[in-house]
Structures are given as C-alpha cells and as structure tokens.
Amino acid sequence: PCAQLTFPGQPPVLKKGKLEPVDVQVQQRSGNKKVTLIYNLEGFGISPDTFAHLMQLRVQASTSVTPAVNRKAGVQVMVQGNQVQTVAKLLIDEMKLPKKYVQGIEKAGKKKR
C-alpha cells in the first residue's frame, strides 16, 4: 500500500506504507489544567513550527514544539488548554485534511457560549 500526497505548487509525493493519522489528545496536568497534544503532522507535509504559530495566533495561548515522548519518532505540538475543536477546524476546514486522517477529534467538548 502507498499514498500520494498533493500539495499546491509542488509535485505529488509518494509515501510507502500506511499513513499514520494526525493524533490529537487532551492531557490533564496539575489541578484543572489541560494541554492539547498534536502528533504526526510531518507525515502530511505540515510544518509543526508553522502549525504551532498558527494555533498560537488563533487561540491566544502558549504553544511549544518538542520531540514526541513515548513515540518512535517525530515531534509533538503542545497547546495550552483544551483546543481540540480549534485544531480540528484548522486541519479539516482550512488545511483540507480528510477527516479520516484526524484521530481524536470526537473527544471535543461542547463549545462554550
């Protein structure tokens, strides 16, 4: 099995093997603090640094890009707070990533009014 990734203004890229989905998780930190962790962005040609900066501007929260813990390879993007809905909207609506390649967005809570 292989996959072909097409990016605007660039030739198509062929990837061998199964495409790992972008993984979005919310972890509880001390007290009532939460952080959103995003993994596997590089597999879809999304720069973790650029994505972190976009999220930082969008939600007005601190972000960081660090080597992924408990993973074979890659980096993780950490965003303060539960930002699952904003991450999903950015990946699916604006970056046009198919919904089947974004894992963990079903855990998004209801949006506060």
C-alpha atoms as a PDB file:
ATOM      1  CA  PRO A   1       0.000   0.000   0.000  1.00  0.00           C
ATOM      2  CA  CYS A   2       1.105   3.532  -0.721  1.00  0.00           C
ATOM      3  CA  ALA A   3      -0.344   7.017  -0.670  1.00  0.00           C
ATOM      4  CA  GLN A   4       0.100  10.047  -2.887  1.00  0.00           C
ATOM      5  CA  LEU A   5       0.122  13.439  -1.192  1.00  0.00           C
ATOM      6  CA  THR A   6      -0.521  16.503  -3.345  1.00  0.00           C
ATOM      7  CA  PHE A   7       0.420  19.998  -2.173  1.00  0.00           C
ATOM      8  CA  PRO A   8      -0.328  23.240  -4.027  1.00  0.00           C
ATOM      9  CA  GLY A   9       2.590  24.356  -6.209  1.00  0.00           C
ATOM     10  CA  GLN A  10       4.627  21.171  -5.616  1.00  0.00           C
ATOM     11  CA  PRO A  11       4.921  17.837  -7.402  1.00  0.00           C
ATOM     12  CA  PRO A  12       2.985  14.927  -5.810  1.00  0.00           C
ATOM     13  CA  VAL A  13       4.820  12.958  -3.106  1.00  0.00           C
ATOM     14  CA  LEU A  14       4.506   9.158  -2.883  1.00  0.00           C
ATOM     15  CA  LYS A  15       4.636   7.597   0.603  1.00  0.00           C
ATOM     16  CA  LYS A  16       5.113   3.876   1.100  1.00  0.00           C
ATOM     17  CA  GLY A  17       3.180   2.050   3.785  1.00  0.00           C
ATOM     18  CA  LYS A  18       0.117   3.093   5.742  1.00  0.00           C
ATOM     19  CA  LEU A  19      -0.378   6.785   6.519  1.00  0.00           C
ATOM     20  CA  GLU A  20      -0.492   7.390  10.266  1.00  0.00           C
ATOM     21  CA  PRO A  21      -3.334   9.791  11.121  1.00  0.00           C
ATOM     22  CA  VAL A  22      -2.752  13.101  12.887  1.00  0.00           C
ATOM     23  CA  ASP A  23      -3.327  12.288  16.557  1.00  0.00           C
ATOM     24  CA  VAL A  24      -4.993  14.902  18.797  1.00  0.00           C
ATOM     25  CA  GLN A  25      -5.036  14.251  22.563  1.00  0.00           C
ATOM     26  CA  VAL A  26      -6.009  16.242  25.637  1.00  0.00           C
ATOM     27  CA  GLN A  27      -3.979  15.544  28.771  1.00  0.00           C
ATOM     28  CA  GLN A  28      -4.713  16.634  32.320  1.00  0.00           C
ATOM     29  CA  ARG A  29      -1.887  18.483  34.033  1.00  0.00           C
ATOM     30  CA  SER A  30      -1.671  19.681  37.654  1.00  0.00           C
ATOM     31  CA  GLY A  31      -5.030  20.727  39.079  1.00  0.00           C
ATOM     32  CA  ASN A  32      -7.598  21.693  36.475  1.00  0.00           C
ATOM     33  CA  LYS A  33      -5.028  22.493  33.774  1.00  0.00           C
ATOM     34  CA  LYS A  34      -5.283  20.784  30.382  1.00  0.00           C
ATOM     35  CA  VAL A  35      -2.993  20.704  27.342  1.00  0.00           C
ATOM     36  CA  THR A  36      -3.731  19.606  23.788  1.00  0.00           C
ATOM     37  CA  LEU A  37      -1.055  17.446  22.136  1.00  0.00           C
ATOM     38  CA  ILE A  38      -0.871  17.003  18.355  1.00  0.00           C
ATOM     39  CA  TYR A  39       1.284  14.267  16.759  1.00  0.00           C
ATOM     40  CA  ASN A  40       2.168  13.130  13.174  1.00  0.00           C
ATOM     41  CA  LEU A  41       1.820  16.471  11.396  1.00  0.00           C
ATOM     42  CA  GLU A  42       5.033  15.900   9.399  1.00  0.00           C
ATOM     43  CA  GLY A  43       3.529  12.886   7.623  1.00  0.00           C
ATOM     44  CA  PHE A  44       1.101  15.207   5.835  1.00  0.00           C
ATOM     45  CA  GLY A  45       3.656  17.869   4.940  1.00  0.00           C
ATOM     46  CA  ILE A  46       2.550  20.245   7.708  1.00  0.00           C
ATOM     47  CA  SER A  47       5.421  22.004   9.454  1.00  0.00           C
ATOM     48  CA  PRO A  48       4.987  21.623  13.242  1.00  0.00           C
ATOM     49  CA  ASP A  49       6.557  25.061  13.834  1.00  0.00           C
ATOM     50  CA  THR A  50       4.175  26.757  11.392  1.00  0.00           C
ATOM     51  CA  PHE A  51       1.181  24.886  12.836  1.00  0.00           C
ATOM     52  CA  ALA A  52       2.182  25.859  16.391  1.00  0.00           C
ATOM     53  CA  HIS A  53       2.456  29.509  15.354  1.00  0.00           C
ATOM     54  CA  LEU A  54      -0.974  29.423  13.658  1.00  0.00           C
ATOM     55  CA  MET A  55      -2.521  27.880  16.778  1.00  0.00           C
ATOM     56  CA  GLN A  56      -0.808  30.447  18.990  1.00  0.00           C
ATOM     57  CA  LEU A  57      -2.297  33.304  16.973  1.00  0.00           C
ATOM     58  CA  ARG A  58      -5.710  31.660  16.754  1.00  0.00           C
ATOM     59  CA  VAL A  59      -6.307  30.774  20.428  1.00  0.00           C
ATOM     60  CA  GLN A  60      -4.025  33.297  22.160  1.00  0.00           C
ATOM     61  CA  ALA A  61      -2.327  30.553  24.173  1.00  0.00           C
ATOM     62  CA  SER A  62       1.217  29.310  24.590  1.00  0.00           C
ATOM     63  CA  THR A  63       2.461  26.588  22.226  1.00  0.00           C
ATOM     64  CA  SER A  64       5.638  24.522  22.061  1.00  0.00           C
ATOM     65  CA  VAL A  65       7.201  22.016  19.681  1.00  0.00           C
ATOM     66  CA  THR A  66       9.195  19.227  21.348  1.00  0.00           C
ATOM     67  CA  PRO A  67      10.363  15.697  20.465  1.00  0.00           C
ATOM     68  CA  ALA A  68       7.469  13.269  20.882  1.00  0.00           C
ATOM     69  CA  VAL A  69       7.507  11.357  24.164  1.00  0.00           C
ATOM     70  CA  ASN A  70       6.507   7.661  24.074  1.00  0.00           C
ATOM     71  CA  ARG A  71       6.651   7.655  20.256  1.00  0.00           C
ATOM     72  CA  LYS A  72       9.166   6.123  17.853  1.00  0.00           C
ATOM     73  CA  ALA A  73       9.921   9.344  16.015  1.00  0.00           C
ATOM     74  CA  GLY A  74       8.598  12.785  15.222  1.00  0.00           C
ATOM     75  CA  VAL A  75       7.646  15.816  17.260  1.00  0.00           C
ATOM     76  CA  GLN A  76       4.618  16.909  19.248  1.00  0.00           C
ATOM     77  CA  VAL A  77       2.921  20.275  19.254  1.00  0.00           C
ATOM     78  CA  MET A  78       1.615  21.252  22.694  1.00  0.00           C
ATOM     79  CA  VAL A  79      -1.070  23.948  23.066  1.00  0.00           C
ATOM     80  CA  GLN A  80      -2.338  25.243  26.409  1.00  0.00           C
ATOM     81  CA  GLY A  81      -5.932  24.317  27.199  1.00  0.00           C
ATOM     82  CA  ASN A  82      -8.464  22.019  25.542  1.00  0.00           C
ATOM     83  CA  GLN A  83      -8.198  23.210  21.929  1.00  0.00           C
ATOM     84  CA  VAL A  84      -9.490  20.097  20.126  1.00  0.00           C
ATOM     85  CA  GLN A  85     -12.237  21.955  18.240  1.00  0.00           C
ATOM     86  CA  THR A  86      -9.872  24.674  17.029  1.00  0.00           C
ATOM     87  CA  VAL A  87      -7.282  22.072  15.921  1.00  0.00           C
ATOM     88  CA  ALA A  88      -9.980  20.111  14.062  1.00  0.00           C
ATOM     89  CA  LYS A  89     -11.308  23.233  12.345  1.00  0.00           C
ATOM     90  CA  LEU A  90      -7.804  24.297  11.267  1.00  0.00           C
ATOM     91  CA  LEU A  91      -6.803  20.844   9.958  1.00  0.00           C
ATOM     92  CA  ILE A  92     -10.072  19.833   8.272  1.00  0.00           C
ATOM     93  CA  ASP A  93     -11.623  23.098   7.085  1.00  0.00           C
ATOM     94  CA  GLU A  94      -8.597  25.234   6.291  1.00  0.00           C
ATOM     95  CA  MET A  95      -5.785  22.756   5.547  1.00  0.00           C
ATOM     96  CA  LYS A  96      -8.242  20.431   3.725  1.00  0.00           C
ATOM     97  CA  LEU A  97      -7.048  17.289   5.524  1.00  0.00           C
ATOM     98  CA  PRO A  98      -9.606  14.455   5.147  1.00  0.00           C
ATOM     99  CA  LYS A  99     -11.484  13.795   8.392  1.00  0.00           C
ATOM    100  CA  LYS A 100     -10.474  10.118   8.376  1.00  0.00           C
ATOM    101  CA  TYR A 101      -6.826  11.166   8.845  1.00  0.00           C
ATOM    102  CA  VAL A 102      -7.508  13.186  12.007  1.00  0.00           C
ATOM    103  CA  GLN A 103      -7.822  10.982  15.089  1.00  0.00           C
ATOM    104  CA  GLY A 104      -9.129  12.174  18.452  1.00  0.00           C
ATOM    105  CA  ILE A 105     -11.458  14.976  17.358  1.00  0.00           C
ATOM    106  CA  GLU A 106     -14.506  13.052  18.544  1.00  0.00           C
ATOM    107  CA  LYS A 107     -13.393  13.860  22.119  1.00  0.00           C
ATOM    108  CA  ALA A 108     -14.067  17.561  21.575  1.00  0.00           C
ATOM    109  CA  GLY A 109     -16.284  19.032  24.254  1.00  0.00           C
ATOM    110  CA  LYS A 110     -19.231  21.326  23.631  1.00  0.00           C
ATOM    111  CA  LYS A 111     -18.311  24.885  22.703  1.00  0.00           C
ATOM    112  CA  LYS A 112     -18.995  27.390  25.492  1.00  0.00           C
ATOM    113  CA  ARG A 113     -21.294  30.312  24.690  1.00  0.00           C
END
